[in-house]
Amino acid sequence: MSATASRTPADGTGAGTPADGSGAGTPAEGMTATAPADLVVAQAPDGVPTITRGDDLAARLTPVLAALAWPDGSTGLAEGDVVVVASKIVAKAEGRLVAARDAGERDAVIAGETVRVVATRQRPDGSVLRIVENRQGLVMAAAGVDSSDVPAGTALLLPEDPDASARRLRRGLHARLGVRPGVLVTDTAGRPWRRGVVDMAIGAAGVLVLADHRGRRDPYGRELRSTVVNLADEIAAAAELVKGKAAGRPVAVVRGMGHAVTAEDGDGAAALIRPPAEDMFRRGVSED
């Protein structure tokens, strides 16, 4: 299963170079990615094995990733690729499955993962929807606790440290495949004022998660003052187009984003979380 999308950059620049330094322009850690890709290809392979507690995720994914066939005739992973992995299989490998035999136990699990309640709303069936900040610092419904695609009477927590999970998977893939891809761990979330859910990055290694365009000029010569692009979430959403929610493909590889892949692991997706001082909507009131 694969899908492709292409984009011709307005400034005429080409795709970035791989993280192994072959060719000029590989961004150092902390630098801004400025050269968009000419062609972005996303592919989600079938055949990912069932993941259970204690599995070495890199070892389990290596045969599937090594067998990838690309439109240009190449196979496997290449430097500059981004491996995008659903948090669910990461959490399963890390043993994050817990008992939740009824609604009361599930509520207790959610409460245990909650550090701050942002909003609640009672549903018509009497249950309560809770938007909370969880232990990972993410604001999500039900603290990211998932009851789908798990055995009855259980629930799945998010990985305890998604950035550490991404770094560990990156090291494992590098050891087995000889390339150092970027890695994103993703989860699905809604967004304020928008219907529908999207995949976003909750863990990252070797990916420039933000592209800061402040100080650049638009085509009319005006200086950009606030444009910071969330590259990690854009890659995560692109990967989800080929993974699908119920297709049994929890892993995708995005090729063509080499300008956003770095040799160092970087700050991770934790850098994407808006700090309280910048959060205008934290308390839901106007601020003078």
C-alpha atoms as a PDB file:
ATOM      1  CA  MET A   1       0.000   0.000   0.000  1.00  0.00           C
ATOM      2  CA  SER A   2       1.464   3.387  -0.930  1.00  0.00           C
ATOM      3  CA  ALA A   3       0.471   6.896  -1.812  1.00  0.00           C
ATOM      4  CA  THR A   4       2.400   9.800  -3.275  1.00  0.00           C
ATOM      5  CA  ALA A   5       2.148  13.547  -3.210  1.00  0.00           C
ATOM      6  CA  SER A   6       4.296  16.085  -5.015  1.00  0.00           C
ATOM      7  CA  ARG A   7       5.108  19.716  -4.451  1.00  0.00           C
ATOM      8  CA  THR A   8       7.287  22.084  -6.460  1.00  0.00           C
ATOM      9  CA  PRO A   9       8.840  24.693  -4.164  1.00  0.00           C
ATOM     10  CA  ALA A  10       8.256  28.298  -5.078  1.00  0.00           C
ATOM     11  CA  ASP A  11      11.882  29.257  -4.563  1.00  0.00           C
ATOM     12  CA  GLY A  12      13.160  26.562  -6.900  1.00  0.00           C
ATOM     13  CA  THR A  13      15.047  24.682  -4.214  1.00  0.00           C
ATOM     14  CA  GLY A  14      15.174  20.927  -4.277  1.00  0.00           C
ATOM     15  CA  ALA A  15      14.796  18.236  -1.675  1.00  0.00           C
ATOM     16  CA  GLY A  16      17.118  18.203   1.288  1.00  0.00           C
ATOM     17  CA  THR A  17      20.064  15.888   1.657  1.00  0.00           C
ATOM     18  CA  PRO A  18      20.238  12.790   3.820  1.00  0.00           C
ATOM     19  CA  ALA A  19      21.287  12.747   7.429  1.00  0.00           C
ATOM     20  CA  ASP A  20      24.535  10.927   6.687  1.00  0.00           C
ATOM     21  CA  GLY A  21      25.968  14.154   5.282  1.00  0.00           C
ATOM     22  CA  SER A  22      26.206  12.934   1.666  1.00  0.00           C
ATOM     23  CA  GLY A  23      25.811  16.232  -0.149  1.00  0.00           C
ATOM     24  CA  ALA A  24      25.608  19.781   1.115  1.00  0.00           C
ATOM     25  CA  GLY A  25      22.825  21.267   3.126  1.00  0.00           C
ATOM     26  CA  THR A  26      22.103  18.695   5.832  1.00  0.00           C
ATOM     27  CA  PRO A  27      20.747  20.754   8.744  1.00  0.00           C
ATOM     28  CA  ALA A  28      22.621  20.648  11.997  1.00  0.00           C
ATOM     29  CA  GLU A  29      20.671  20.158  15.187  1.00  0.00           C
ATOM     30  CA  GLY A  30      18.687  23.268  16.022  1.00  0.00           C
ATOM     31  CA  MET A  31      18.854  24.711  12.506  1.00  0.00           C
ATOM     32  CA  THR A  32      15.703  25.596  10.591  1.00  0.00           C
ATOM     33  CA  ALA A  33      14.566  23.481   7.650  1.00  0.00           C
ATOM     34  CA  THR A  34      14.070  25.890   4.744  1.00  0.00           C
ATOM     35  CA  ALA A  35      14.108  23.813   1.548  1.00  0.00           C
ATOM     36  CA  PRO A  36      10.834  21.974   0.900  1.00  0.00           C
ATOM     37  CA  ALA A  37      10.828  18.693  -0.953  1.00  0.00           C
ATOM     38  CA  ASP A  38      10.124  18.377  -4.670  1.00  0.00           C
ATOM     39  CA  LEU A  39       8.433  15.038  -4.131  1.00  0.00           C
ATOM     40  CA  VAL A  40       7.080  13.457  -0.974  1.00  0.00           C
ATOM     41  CA  VAL A  41       6.222   9.750  -1.037  1.00  0.00           C
ATOM     42  CA  ALA A  42       4.415   8.015   1.834  1.00  0.00           C
ATOM     43  CA  GLN A  43       4.117   4.258   2.057  1.00  0.00           C
ATOM     44  CA  ALA A  44       2.450   2.083   4.695  1.00  0.00           C
ATOM     45  CA  PRO A  45       3.413  -1.586   4.385  1.00  0.00           C
ATOM     46  CA  ASP A  46       1.171  -4.522   5.098  1.00  0.00           C
ATOM     47  CA  GLY A  47       2.484  -7.411   7.173  1.00  0.00           C
ATOM     48  CA  VAL A  48       3.401  -5.641  10.403  1.00  0.00           C
ATOM     49  CA  PRO A  49       3.308  -8.429  13.008  1.00  0.00           C
ATOM     50  CA  THR A  50       1.197  -8.334  16.139  1.00  0.00           C
ATOM     51  CA  ILE A  51       3.135  -6.513  18.842  1.00  0.00           C
ATOM     52  CA  THR A  52       2.990  -7.653  22.452  1.00  0.00           C
ATOM     53  CA  ARG A  53       4.620  -6.746  25.755  1.00  0.00           C
ATOM     54  CA  GLY A  54       8.400  -7.074  25.738  1.00  0.00           C
ATOM     55  CA  ASP A  55       8.810  -7.169  21.941  1.00  0.00           C
ATOM     56  CA  ASP A  56      11.875  -5.469  20.489  1.00  0.00           C
ATOM     57  CA  LEU A  57       9.992  -3.125  18.193  1.00  0.00           C
ATOM     58  CA  ALA A  58      12.960  -2.398  15.938  1.00  0.00           C
ATOM     59  CA  ALA A  59      13.601  -6.101  15.450  1.00  0.00           C
ATOM     60  CA  ARG A  60       9.940  -6.775  14.681  1.00  0.00           C
ATOM     61  CA  LEU A  61       9.698  -3.938  12.162  1.00  0.00           C
ATOM     62  CA  THR A  62      13.042  -4.479  10.406  1.00  0.00           C
ATOM     63  CA  PRO A  63      11.916  -7.223   7.953  1.00  0.00           C
ATOM     64  CA  VAL A  64       8.845  -5.225   6.933  1.00  0.00           C
ATOM     65  CA  LEU A  65      10.809  -2.008   6.411  1.00  0.00           C
ATOM     66  CA  ALA A  66      13.661  -3.773   4.603  1.00  0.00           C
ATOM     67  CA  ALA A  67      11.167  -5.211   2.095  1.00  0.00           C
ATOM     68  CA  LEU A  68       9.668  -1.857   1.104  1.00  0.00           C
ATOM     69  CA  ALA A  69       9.690  -1.295  -2.675  1.00  0.00           C
ATOM     70  CA  TRP A  70       9.736   2.294  -3.925  1.00  0.00           C
ATOM     71  CA  PRO A  71       8.563   3.768  -7.258  1.00  0.00           C
ATOM     72  CA  ASP A  72      12.164   4.507  -8.295  1.00  0.00           C
ATOM     73  CA  GLY A  73      13.104   0.840  -7.964  1.00  0.00           C
ATOM     74  CA  SER A  74      14.917   1.141  -4.626  1.00  0.00           C
ATOM     75  CA  THR A  75      14.089  -1.007  -1.632  1.00  0.00           C
ATOM     76  CA  GLY A  76      14.179  -0.680   2.133  1.00  0.00           C
ATOM     77  CA  LEU A  77      15.017   2.457   4.082  1.00  0.00           C
ATOM     78  CA  ALA A  78      17.327   5.258   2.956  1.00  0.00           C
ATOM     79  CA  GLU A  79      18.988   8.091   4.820  1.00  0.00           C
ATOM     80  CA  GLY A  80      16.529  10.955   5.103  1.00  0.00           C
ATOM     81  CA  ASP A  81      13.450   8.733   5.407  1.00  0.00           C
ATOM     82  CA  VAL A  82      11.071   9.285   8.322  1.00  0.00           C
ATOM     83  CA  VAL A  83       9.571   6.205   9.985  1.00  0.00           C
ATOM     84  CA  VAL A  84       6.182   7.101  11.455  1.00  0.00           C
ATOM     85  CA  VAL A  85       4.871   4.663  14.074  1.00  0.00           C
ATOM     86  CA  ALA A  86       1.493   4.623  15.805  1.00  0.00           C
ATOM     87  CA  SER A  87       1.879   5.070  19.544  1.00  0.00           C
ATOM     88  CA  LYS A  88      -0.377   2.059  20.066  1.00  0.00           C
ATOM     89  CA  ILE A  89       2.213  -0.517  18.990  1.00  0.00           C
ATOM     90  CA  VAL A  90       4.938   1.319  20.883  1.00  0.00           C
ATOM     91  CA  ALA A  91       2.799   1.235  24.025  1.00  0.00           C
ATOM     92  CA  LYS A  92       1.982  -2.445  23.549  1.00  0.00           C
ATOM     93  CA  ALA A  93       5.678  -3.316  23.257  1.00  0.00           C
ATOM     94  CA  GLU A  94       6.364  -1.305  26.407  1.00  0.00           C
ATOM     95  CA  GLY A  95       3.690  -3.131  28.406  1.00  0.00           C
ATOM     96  CA  ARG A  96       1.328  -0.193  28.853  1.00  0.00           C
ATOM     97  CA  LEU A  97      -1.815  -2.347  28.837  1.00  0.00           C
ATOM     98  CA  VAL A  98      -3.806  -2.035  32.069  1.00  0.00           C
ATOM     99  CA  ALA A  99      -7.022  -3.494  33.476  1.00  0.00           C
ATOM    100  CA  ALA A 100     -10.214  -1.528  32.814  1.00  0.00           C
ATOM    101  CA  ARG A 101     -13.052  -3.963  33.312  1.00  0.00           C
ATOM    102  CA  ASP A 102     -15.834  -1.384  33.474  1.00  0.00           C
ATOM    103  CA  ALA A 103     -16.506   2.326  33.114  1.00  0.00           C
ATOM    104  CA  GLY A 104     -15.501   2.987  36.704  1.00  0.00           C
ATOM    105  CA  GLU A 105     -12.101   1.342  36.290  1.00  0.00           C
ATOM    106  CA  ARG A 106     -11.556   3.166  32.993  1.00  0.00           C
ATOM    107  CA  ASP A 107     -12.370   6.499  34.674  1.00  0.00           C
ATOM    108  CA  ALA A 108      -9.868   5.639  37.404  1.00  0.00           C
ATOM    109  CA  VAL A 109      -7.206   4.891  34.781  1.00  0.00           C
ATOM    110  CA  ILE A 110      -7.878   8.237  33.081  1.00  0.00           C
ATOM    111  CA  ALA A 111      -7.718  10.032  36.434  1.00  0.00           C
ATOM    112  CA  GLY A 112      -4.386   8.371  37.125  1.00  0.00           C
ATOM    113  CA  GLU A 113      -2.961   9.757  33.890  1.00  0.00           C
ATOM    114  CA  THR A 114      -4.377  13.254  34.428  1.00  0.00           C
ATOM    115  CA  VAL A 115      -2.400  16.175  35.824  1.00  0.00           C
ATOM    116  CA  ARG A 116      -4.907  18.937  34.924  1.00  0.00           C
ATOM    117  CA  VAL A 117      -8.540  18.927  33.845  1.00  0.00           C
ATOM    118  CA  VAL A 118      -9.098  21.360  30.977  1.00  0.00           C
ATOM    119  CA  ALA A 119     -12.794  20.805  30.216  1.00  0.00           C
ATOM    120  CA  THR A 120     -15.576  18.291  30.795  1.00  0.00           C
ATOM    121  CA  ARG A 121     -18.898  17.675  29.096  1.00  0.00           C
ATOM    122  CA  GLN A 122     -21.617  15.152  29.875  1.00  0.00           C
ATOM    123  CA  ARG A 123     -22.664  13.017  26.931  1.00  0.00           C
ATOM    124  CA  PRO A 124     -26.323  12.070  26.249  1.00  0.00           C
ATOM    125  CA  ASP A 125     -25.620   8.532  27.544  1.00  0.00           C
ATOM    126  CA  GLY A 126     -24.548   9.914  30.912  1.00  0.00           C
ATOM    127  CA  SER A 127     -20.818   9.385  30.447  1.00  0.00           C
ATOM    128  CA  VAL A 128     -18.457  12.323  30.771  1.00  0.00           C
ATOM    129  CA  LEU A 129     -16.024  13.515  28.116  1.00  0.00           C
ATOM    130  CA  ARG A 130     -12.850  14.803  29.756  1.00  0.00           C
ATOM    131  CA  ILE A 131     -10.251  16.930  28.016  1.00  0.00           C
ATOM    132  CA  VAL A 132      -7.174  16.839  30.225  1.00  0.00           C
ATOM    133  CA  GLU A 133      -3.465  17.409  30.325  1.00  0.00           C
ATOM    134  CA  ASN A 134      -1.791  14.049  30.810  1.00  0.00           C
ATOM    135  CA  ARG A 135       1.517  12.966  32.301  1.00  0.00           C
ATOM    136  CA  GLN A 136       3.275  13.471  28.955  1.00  0.00           C
ATOM    137  CA  GLY A 137       2.157  17.124  28.913  1.00  0.00           C
ATOM    138  CA  LEU A 138      -0.346  16.555  26.088  1.00  0.00           C
ATOM    139  CA  VAL A 139      -3.870  17.966  26.174  1.00  0.00           C
ATOM    140  CA  MET A 140      -6.128  15.173  24.925  1.00  0.00           C
ATOM    141  CA  ALA A 141      -9.499  13.540  25.401  1.00  0.00           C
ATOM    142  CA  ALA A 142      -9.411  10.864  28.100  1.00  0.00           C
ATOM    143  CA  ALA A 143      -5.688  11.539  28.697  1.00  0.00           C
ATOM    144  CA  GLY A 144      -4.917   9.510  25.570  1.00  0.00           C
ATOM    145  CA  VAL A 145      -6.156   6.290  27.206  1.00  0.00           C
ATOM    146  CA  ASP A 146      -7.309   3.966  24.410  1.00  0.00           C
ATOM    147  CA  SER A 147      -9.809   1.109  24.600  1.00  0.00           C
ATOM    148  CA  SER A 148      -9.828   0.182  20.898  1.00  0.00           C
ATOM    149  CA  ASP A 149      -7.906  -2.734  19.389  1.00  0.00           C
ATOM    150  CA  VAL A 150      -7.085  -4.135  22.822  1.00  0.00           C
ATOM    151  CA  PRO A 151      -8.494  -7.169  24.682  1.00  0.00           C
ATOM    152  CA  ALA A 152     -11.860  -6.727  26.397  1.00  0.00           C
ATOM    153  CA  GLY A 153     -11.514  -5.417  29.928  1.00  0.00           C
ATOM    154  CA  THR A 154      -8.271  -3.563  29.249  1.00  0.00           C
ATOM    155  CA  ALA A 155      -7.110  -0.110  28.199  1.00  0.00           C
ATOM    156  CA  LEU A 156      -3.858   1.108  26.699  1.00  0.00           C
ATOM    157  CA  LEU A 157      -1.876   4.028  28.073  1.00  0.00           C
ATOM    158  CA  LEU A 158       0.383   6.164  25.937  1.00  0.00           C
ATOM    159  CA  PRO A 159       4.120   5.429  26.037  1.00  0.00           C
ATOM    160  CA  GLU A 160       5.533   6.793  29.274  1.00  0.00           C
ATOM    161  CA  ASP A 161       8.180   8.864  27.429  1.00  0.00           C
ATOM    162  CA  PRO A 162       7.391   9.001  23.687  1.00  0.00           C
ATOM    163  CA  ASP A 163      10.602  10.866  22.829  1.00  0.00           C
ATOM    164  CA  ALA A 164      12.679   8.185  24.541  1.00  0.00           C
ATOM    165  CA  SER A 165      10.664   5.561  22.656  1.00  0.00           C
ATOM    166  CA  ALA A 166      11.448   7.283  19.353  1.00  0.00           C
ATOM    167  CA  ARG A 167      15.154   7.484  20.177  1.00  0.00           C
ATOM    168  CA  ARG A 168      15.268   3.825  21.152  1.00  0.00           C
ATOM    169  CA  LEU A 169      13.515   2.754  17.929  1.00  0.00           C
ATOM    170  CA  ARG A 170      15.861   4.917  15.870  1.00  0.00           C
ATOM    171  CA  ARG A 171      18.908   3.307  17.450  1.00  0.00           C
ATOM    172  CA  GLY A 172      17.500  -0.155  16.853  1.00  0.00           C
ATOM    173  CA  LEU A 173      16.693   0.481  13.198  1.00  0.00           C
ATOM    174  CA  HIS A 174      20.126   1.998  12.634  1.00  0.00           C
ATOM    175  CA  ALA A 175      21.828  -1.035  14.171  1.00  0.00           C
ATOM    176  CA  ARG A 176      19.870  -3.451  11.968  1.00  0.00           C
ATOM    177  CA  LEU A 177      19.506  -1.576   8.681  1.00  0.00           C
ATOM    178  CA  GLY A 178      22.614   0.598   8.601  1.00  0.00           C
ATOM    179  CA  VAL A 179      20.687   3.840   8.039  1.00  0.00           C
ATOM    180  CA  ARG A 180      19.586   6.419  10.574  1.00  0.00           C
ATOM    181  CA  PRO A 181      16.030   7.489   9.695  1.00  0.00           C
ATOM    182  CA  GLY A 182      14.036  10.101  11.484  1.00  0.00           C
ATOM    183  CA  VAL A 183      11.406   8.544  13.743  1.00  0.00           C
ATOM    184  CA  LEU A 184       8.027   9.906  14.820  1.00  0.00           C
ATOM    185  CA  VAL A 185       5.684   8.322  17.334  1.00  0.00           C
ATOM    186  CA  THR A 186       2.138   9.526  16.643  1.00  0.00           C
ATOM    187  CA  ASP A 187      -1.289   9.547  18.188  1.00  0.00           C
ATOM    188  CA  THR A 188      -4.709  10.784  17.106  1.00  0.00           C
ATOM    189  CA  ALA A 189      -6.235  13.879  18.655  1.00  0.00           C
ATOM    190  CA  GLY A 190      -8.928  16.444  18.036  1.00  0.00           C
ATOM    191  CA  ARG A 191      -8.227  20.160  17.792  1.00  0.00           C
ATOM    192  CA  PRO A 192     -10.120  23.087  19.307  1.00  0.00           C
ATOM    193  CA  TRP A 193     -12.660  24.627  16.956  1.00  0.00           C
ATOM    194  CA  ARG A 194     -12.136  21.941  14.302  1.00  0.00           C
ATOM    195  CA  ARG A 195     -14.207  18.838  13.679  1.00  0.00           C
ATOM    196  CA  GLY A 196     -12.466  15.539  13.091  1.00  0.00           C
ATOM    197  CA  VAL A 197      -9.221  14.087  14.365  1.00  0.00           C
ATOM    198  CA  VAL A 198      -5.716  14.087  12.932  1.00  0.00           C
ATOM    199  CA  ASP A 199      -2.518  12.270  13.745  1.00  0.00           C
ATOM    200  CA  MET A 200       0.136  14.316  15.505  1.00  0.00           C
ATOM    201  CA  ALA A 201       3.658  13.652  16.704  1.00  0.00           C
ATOM    202  CA  ILE A 202       3.970  12.870  20.404  1.00  0.00           C
ATOM    203  CA  GLY A 203       7.521  11.525  20.145  1.00  0.00           C
ATOM    204  CA  ALA A 204      10.360  12.378  17.774  1.00  0.00           C
ATOM    205  CA  ALA A 205      14.004  11.525  17.164  1.00  0.00           C
ATOM    206  CA  GLY A 206      16.164  12.897  14.385  1.00  0.00           C
ATOM    207  CA  VAL A 207      13.465  15.192  13.031  1.00  0.00           C
ATOM    208  CA  LEU A 208      13.399  18.982  13.028  1.00  0.00           C
ATOM    209  CA  VAL A 209       9.979  19.292  14.588  1.00  0.00           C
ATOM    210  CA  LEU A 210       9.588  23.041  13.946  1.00  0.00           C
ATOM    211  CA  ALA A 211      10.527  25.192  10.950  1.00  0.00           C
ATOM    212  CA  ASP A 212      10.854  28.815  12.019  1.00  0.00           C
ATOM    213  CA  HIS A 213      10.106  31.213   9.155  1.00  0.00           C
ATOM    214  CA  ARG A 214      10.157  34.374  11.250  1.00  0.00           C
ATOM    215  CA  GLY A 215      12.353  36.996   9.687  1.00  0.00           C
ATOM    216  CA  ARG A 216      11.837  35.724   6.142  1.00  0.00           C
ATOM    217  CA  ARG A 217       9.991  37.788   3.541  1.00  0.00           C
ATOM    218  CA  ASP A 218       6.765  36.933   1.770  1.00  0.00           C
ATOM    219  CA  PRO A 219       6.420  37.510  -2.028  1.00  0.00           C
ATOM    220  CA  TYR A 220       5.366  41.118  -1.292  1.00  0.00           C
ATOM    221  CA  GLY A 221       8.416  41.831   0.824  1.00  0.00           C
ATOM    222  CA  ARG A 222       6.635  41.780   4.161  1.00  0.00           C
ATOM    223  CA  GLU A 223       8.548  40.240   7.040  1.00  0.00           C
ATOM    224  CA  LEU A 224       7.049  37.117   8.586  1.00  0.00           C
ATOM    225  CA  ARG A 225       6.690  37.726  12.323  1.00  0.00           C
ATOM    226  CA  SER A 226       4.881  34.680  13.710  1.00  0.00           C
ATOM    227  CA  THR A 227       5.069  31.832  11.183  1.00  0.00           C
ATOM    228  CA  VAL A 228       6.500  28.699  12.782  1.00  0.00           C
ATOM    229  CA  VAL A 229       5.523  25.512  10.927  1.00  0.00           C
ATOM    230  CA  ASN A 230       4.971  22.278  12.837  1.00  0.00           C
ATOM    231  CA  LEU A 231       6.832  19.920  10.497  1.00  0.00           C
ATOM    232  CA  ALA A 232       6.446  16.892  12.761  1.00  0.00           C
ATOM    233  CA  ASP A 233       2.654  17.080  12.819  1.00  0.00           C
ATOM    234  CA  GLU A 234       2.527  17.666   9.058  1.00  0.00           C
ATOM    235  CA  ILE A 235       4.603  14.518   8.460  1.00  0.00           C
ATOM    236  CA  ALA A 236       2.448  12.588  10.938  1.00  0.00           C
ATOM    237  CA  ALA A 237      -0.747  13.633   9.155  1.00  0.00           C
ATOM    238  CA  ALA A 238       0.694  12.756   5.743  1.00  0.00           C
ATOM    239  CA  ALA A 239       1.642   9.308   7.018  1.00  0.00           C
ATOM    240  CA  GLU A 240      -1.851   8.750   8.389  1.00  0.00           C
ATOM    241  CA  LEU A 241      -3.279   9.166   4.874  1.00  0.00           C
ATOM    242  CA  VAL A 242      -1.700   5.836   3.944  1.00  0.00           C
ATOM    243  CA  LYS A 243      -1.834   4.107   7.341  1.00  0.00           C
ATOM    244  CA  GLY A 244      -5.576   4.535   7.883  1.00  0.00           C
ATOM    245  CA  LYS A 245      -7.408   4.166  11.170  1.00  0.00           C
ATOM    246  CA  ALA A 246      -8.654   0.607  10.724  1.00  0.00           C
ATOM    247  CA  ALA A 247      -6.461  -0.801   7.958  1.00  0.00           C
ATOM    248  CA  GLY A 248      -4.027  -2.687  10.183  1.00  0.00           C
ATOM    249  CA  ARG A 249      -1.026  -0.658   9.007  1.00  0.00           C
ATOM    250  CA  PRO A 250       0.428   1.063  12.084  1.00  0.00           C
ATOM    251  CA  VAL A 251       3.711   2.080  10.429  1.00  0.00           C
ATOM    252  CA  ALA A 252       4.466   4.313   7.463  1.00  0.00           C
ATOM    253  CA  VAL A 253       7.631   5.657   5.883  1.00  0.00           C
ATOM    254  CA  VAL A 254       7.717   9.180   4.457  1.00  0.00           C
ATOM    255  CA  ARG A 255      10.417   9.848   1.871  1.00  0.00           C
ATOM    256  CA  GLY A 256      11.357  13.281   0.565  1.00  0.00           C
ATOM    257  CA  MET A 257      11.661  15.099   3.900  1.00  0.00           C
ATOM    258  CA  GLY A 258      15.406  14.661   4.219  1.00  0.00           C
ATOM    259  CA  HIS A 259      15.817  18.389   4.833  1.00  0.00           C
ATOM    260  CA  ALA A 260      14.022  17.819   8.155  1.00  0.00           C
ATOM    261  CA  VAL A 261      16.048  14.771   9.231  1.00  0.00           C
ATOM    262  CA  THR A 262      19.090  15.346  11.441  1.00  0.00           C
ATOM    263  CA  ALA A 263      22.054  13.260  12.517  1.00  0.00           C
ATOM    264  CA  GLU A 264      21.392  14.102  16.170  1.00  0.00           C
ATOM    265  CA  ASP A 265      18.180  13.023  17.866  1.00  0.00           C
ATOM    266  CA  GLY A 266      17.261  16.609  18.758  1.00  0.00           C
ATOM    267  CA  ASP A 267      14.833  17.955  21.344  1.00  0.00           C
ATOM    268  CA  GLY A 268      11.980  15.652  20.387  1.00  0.00           C
ATOM    269  CA  ALA A 269       8.260  16.285  20.267  1.00  0.00           C
ATOM    270  CA  ALA A 270       8.313  17.708  23.794  1.00  0.00           C
ATOM    271  CA  ALA A 271       9.434  20.942  22.121  1.00  0.00           C
ATOM    272  CA  LEU A 272       6.025  21.162  20.425  1.00  0.00           C
ATOM    273  CA  ILE A 273       4.082  21.529  23.662  1.00  0.00           C
ATOM    274  CA  ARG A 274       3.129  25.159  24.217  1.00  0.00           C
ATOM    275  CA  PRO A 275       4.353  26.320  27.640  1.00  0.00           C
ATOM    276  CA  PRO A 276       1.766  27.790  30.032  1.00  0.00           C
ATOM    277  CA  ALA A 277       3.115  31.326  29.607  1.00  0.00           C
ATOM    278  CA  GLU A 278       2.259  31.201  25.875  1.00  0.00           C
ATOM    279  CA  ASP A 279      -1.110  29.478  26.258  1.00  0.00           C
ATOM    280  CA  MET A 280      -3.850  32.098  25.744  1.00  0.00           C
ATOM    281  CA  PHE A 281      -6.611  29.530  26.249  1.00  0.00           C
ATOM    282  CA  ARG A 282      -5.299  27.708  29.308  1.00  0.00           C
ATOM    283  CA  ARG A 283      -7.981  29.157  31.601  1.00  0.00           C
ATOM    284  CA  GLY A 284     -10.609  29.946  28.988  1.00  0.00           C
ATOM    285  CA  VAL A 285     -10.751  33.661  29.890  1.00  0.00           C
ATOM    286  CA  SER A 286      -9.575  36.821  28.174  1.00  0.00           C
ATOM    287  CA  GLU A 287      -6.236  38.210  29.257  1.00  0.00           C
ATOM    288  CA  ASP A 288      -5.513  41.943  29.357  1.00  0.00           C
END
